Amino acid sequence: MTLSWKARRRLSLLILVVALPLYIVVVVNVLALFDRPSFWVELAIYVILGIIWALPLKAVFRGVGQPDPAAPPPDSRH
């Protein structure tokens, strides 16, 4: 089942506004349970986890910033 452009746009907004901040809070709290590693290890963990969240959602975000492909072309006469 493929999502329409409008549905993908709404879903991507929901992901960025609700799910991403929630993911960040969960990651920070889980990492706080362990002893704090060195700066470079901690930075690497955050960079890797910052990339990993987007990989399964790549299909949702693809083409969302483009104009709706199903919309009729705008009238160019002025």
C-alpha atoms as a PDB file:
ATOM      1  CA  MET A   1       0.000   0.000   0.000  1.00  0.00           C
ATOM      2  CA  THR A   2       1.481   3.310  -1.046  1.00  0.00           C
ATOM      3  CA  LEU A   3       0.624   6.538   0.661  1.00  0.00           C
ATOM      4  CA  SER A   4      -0.572   9.527  -1.300  1.00  0.00           C
ATOM      5  CA  TRP A   5       1.584  12.634  -1.445  1.00  0.00           C
ATOM      6  CA  LYS A   6      -0.765  14.450   0.943  1.00  0.00           C
ATOM      7  CA  ALA A   7      -0.749  11.545   3.424  1.00  0.00           C
ATOM      8  CA  ARG A   8       3.050  11.315   3.318  1.00  0.00           C
ATOM      9  CA  ARG A   9       3.285  15.060   3.889  1.00  0.00           C
ATOM     10  CA  ARG A  10       0.996  14.889   6.932  1.00  0.00           C
ATOM     11  CA  LEU A  11       2.742  11.807   8.292  1.00  0.00           C
ATOM     12  CA  SER A  12       6.176  13.400   7.896  1.00  0.00           C
ATOM     13  CA  LEU A  13       4.989  16.480   9.785  1.00  0.00           C
ATOM     14  CA  LEU A  14       3.647  14.279  12.589  1.00  0.00           C
ATOM     15  CA  ILE A  15       6.928  12.369  12.717  1.00  0.00           C
ATOM     16  CA  LEU A  16       9.028  15.536  12.890  1.00  0.00           C
ATOM     17  CA  VAL A  17       6.845  17.335  15.435  1.00  0.00           C
ATOM     18  CA  VAL A  18       5.870  14.473  17.763  1.00  0.00           C
ATOM     19  CA  ALA A  19       7.901  11.326  17.175  1.00  0.00           C
ATOM     20  CA  LEU A  20      11.367  12.857  16.746  1.00  0.00           C
ATOM     21  CA  PRO A  21      11.310  14.846  20.014  1.00  0.00           C
ATOM     22  CA  LEU A  22       9.955  11.759  21.792  1.00  0.00           C
ATOM     23  CA  TYR A  23      12.765   9.662  20.277  1.00  0.00           C
ATOM     24  CA  ILE A  24      15.345  12.210  21.454  1.00  0.00           C
ATOM     25  CA  VAL A  25      13.979  12.159  25.017  1.00  0.00           C
ATOM     26  CA  VAL A  26      13.997   8.362  25.090  1.00  0.00           C
ATOM     27  CA  VAL A  27      17.567   8.129  23.738  1.00  0.00           C
ATOM     28  CA  VAL A  28      18.898  10.694  26.214  1.00  0.00           C
ATOM     29  CA  ASN A  29      17.177   8.966  29.138  1.00  0.00           C
ATOM     30  CA  VAL A  30      18.390   5.503  28.117  1.00  0.00           C
ATOM     31  CA  LEU A  31      21.960   6.753  27.734  1.00  0.00           C
ATOM     32  CA  ALA A  32      21.724   8.461  31.125  1.00  0.00           C
ATOM     33  CA  LEU A  33      21.256   5.032  32.733  1.00  0.00           C
ATOM     34  CA  PHE A  34      24.873   4.170  31.936  1.00  0.00           C
ATOM     35  CA  ASP A  35      28.129   5.779  33.011  1.00  0.00           C
ATOM     36  CA  ARG A  36      28.951   8.716  30.794  1.00  0.00           C
ATOM     37  CA  PRO A  37      31.506   7.715  28.134  1.00  0.00           C
ATOM     38  CA  SER A  38      34.184   9.998  26.758  1.00  0.00           C
ATOM     39  CA  PHE A  39      33.110  12.963  24.656  1.00  0.00           C
ATOM     40  CA  TRP A  40      33.998  11.339  21.315  1.00  0.00           C
ATOM     41  CA  VAL A  41      32.214   8.069  22.105  1.00  0.00           C
ATOM     42  CA  GLU A  42      29.127   9.952  23.253  1.00  0.00           C
ATOM     43  CA  LEU A  43      29.221  12.115  20.121  1.00  0.00           C
ATOM     44  CA  ALA A  44      29.517   9.018  17.918  1.00  0.00           C
ATOM     45  CA  ILE A  45      26.540   7.404  19.679  1.00  0.00           C
ATOM     46  CA  TYR A  46      24.366  10.476  19.122  1.00  0.00           C
ATOM     47  CA  VAL A  47      25.430  10.814  15.477  1.00  0.00           C
ATOM     48  CA  ILE A  48      24.717   7.142  14.760  1.00  0.00           C
ATOM     49  CA  LEU A  49      21.360   7.230  16.540  1.00  0.00           C
ATOM     50  CA  GLY A  50      20.570  10.507  14.778  1.00  0.00           C
ATOM     51  CA  ILE A  51      20.997   8.794  11.417  1.00  0.00           C
ATOM     52  CA  ILE A  52      19.341   5.498  12.342  1.00  0.00           C
ATOM     53  CA  TRP A  53      15.933   7.032  13.129  1.00  0.00           C
ATOM     54  CA  ALA A  54      15.548   8.309   9.568  1.00  0.00           C
ATOM     55  CA  LEU A  55      16.482   5.148   7.684  1.00  0.00           C
ATOM     56  CA  PRO A  56      13.169   3.285   8.082  1.00  0.00           C
ATOM     57  CA  LEU A  57      11.267   6.514   7.378  1.00  0.00           C
ATOM     58  CA  LYS A  58      13.088   7.391   4.163  1.00  0.00           C
ATOM     59  CA  ALA A  59      10.083   6.407   2.027  1.00  0.00           C
ATOM     60  CA  VAL A  60       7.802   8.740   3.986  1.00  0.00           C
ATOM     61  CA  PHE A  61      10.082  11.758   3.544  1.00  0.00           C
ATOM     62  CA  ARG A  62      10.962  11.146  -0.121  1.00  0.00           C
ATOM     63  CA  GLY A  63       9.512  13.876  -2.344  1.00  0.00           C
ATOM     64  CA  VAL A  64       7.556  15.648   0.392  1.00  0.00           C
ATOM     65  CA  GLY A  65       9.266  18.962  -0.282  1.00  0.00           C
ATOM     66  CA  GLN A  66       8.333  18.851  -3.961  1.00  0.00           C
ATOM     67  CA  PRO A  67       5.041  20.111  -5.415  1.00  0.00           C
ATOM     68  CA  ASP A  68       2.171  17.626  -5.520  1.00  0.00           C
ATOM     69  CA  PRO A  69       2.750  15.494  -8.637  1.00  0.00           C
ATOM     70  CA  ALA A  70      -0.988  14.814  -8.998  1.00  0.00           C
ATOM     71  CA  ALA A  71      -1.963  18.495  -8.887  1.00  0.00           C
ATOM     72  CA  PRO A  72      -2.743  20.222 -12.161  1.00  0.00           C
ATOM     73  CA  PRO A  73       0.019  22.520 -13.398  1.00  0.00           C
ATOM     74  CA  PRO A  74      -0.383  26.156 -12.384  1.00  0.00           C
ATOM     75  CA  ASP A  75      -1.774  28.525 -14.974  1.00  0.00           C
ATOM     76  CA  SER A  76       1.186  30.436 -16.423  1.00  0.00           C
ATOM     77  CA  ARG A  77      -0.929  33.177 -18.049  1.00  0.00           C
ATOM     78  CA  HIS A  78      -0.982  36.518 -16.236  1.00  0.00           C
END
